[in-house]
């Protein structure tokens, strides 16, 4: 009934966003890249879950 929150995409998004924000000296770019990495990892995790459910 309740979905477990996967913290890996959130952590990677935060770390990459803060890292890129510091490297580029622009917090807006850091936030944008962090969100892009979060969405990308979230989509790949969803695909892995859906293919593992089909195998059962």
Protein backbone atom coordinates (compact mmCIF):
# COMPACT_ATOMS: atom_id res chain seq x y z
CA UNK A 1 0.00 0.00 0.00
CA UNK A 2 2.72 2.49 0.98
CA UNK A 3 5.72 2.93 -1.28
CA UNK A 4 9.12 2.90 0.38
CA UNK A 5 11.08 6.06 -0.40
CA UNK A 6 14.34 5.25 -2.14
CA UNK A 7 16.95 7.62 -0.73
CA UNK A 8 19.71 6.85 -3.25
CA UNK A 9 18.45 9.24 -6.00
CA UNK A 10 17.85 11.96 -3.42
CA UNK A 11 21.35 11.61 -1.98
CA UNK A 12 23.04 11.57 -5.39
CA UNK A 13 21.00 14.56 -6.52
CA UNK A 14 21.94 16.55 -3.42
CA UNK A 15 25.63 15.67 -3.54
CA UNK A 16 25.98 16.32 -7.26
CA UNK A 17 23.93 19.53 -7.04
CA UNK A 18 25.99 20.93 -4.17
CA UNK A 19 29.25 19.79 -5.78
CA UNK A 20 28.46 21.34 -9.13
CA UNK A 21 27.09 24.45 -7.45
CA UNK A 22 30.38 24.95 -5.62
CA UNK A 23 32.49 24.08 -8.66
CA UNK A 24 30.61 26.41 -10.99
CA UNK A 25 30.03 29.05 -8.29
CA UNK A 26 26.38 29.16 -9.22
CA UNK A 27 23.70 27.72 -6.94
CA UNK A 28 21.06 27.87 -9.68
CA UNK A 29 23.10 25.58 -11.93
CA UNK A 30 23.79 23.29 -8.99
CA UNK A 31 20.10 22.96 -8.23
CA UNK A 32 19.29 22.34 -11.89
CA UNK A 33 21.92 19.63 -12.27
CA UNK A 34 20.89 18.06 -8.95
CA UNK A 35 17.30 17.82 -10.13
CA UNK A 36 18.41 16.34 -13.47
CA UNK A 37 20.49 13.66 -11.72
CA UNK A 38 17.62 12.93 -9.30
CA UNK A 39 15.08 12.45 -12.09
CA UNK A 40 17.48 10.34 -14.16
CA UNK A 41 18.29 8.01 -11.27
CA UNK A 42 14.65 7.80 -10.26
CA UNK A 43 13.66 6.75 -13.80
CA UNK A 44 16.36 4.05 -13.99
CA UNK A 45 15.26 2.68 -10.60
CA UNK A 46 11.65 2.53 -11.80
CA UNK A 47 12.73 0.64 -14.94
CA UNK A 48 14.70 -1.87 -12.85
CA UNK A 49 11.72 -2.45 -10.56
CA UNK A 50 9.28 -2.88 -13.45
CA UNK A 51 11.53 -5.37 -15.27
CA UNK A 52 12.10 -7.38 -12.07
CA UNK A 53 8.33 -7.56 -11.50
CA UNK A 54 7.81 -8.85 -15.07
CA UNK A 55 10.31 -11.65 -14.53
CA UNK A 56 8.30 -13.10 -11.60
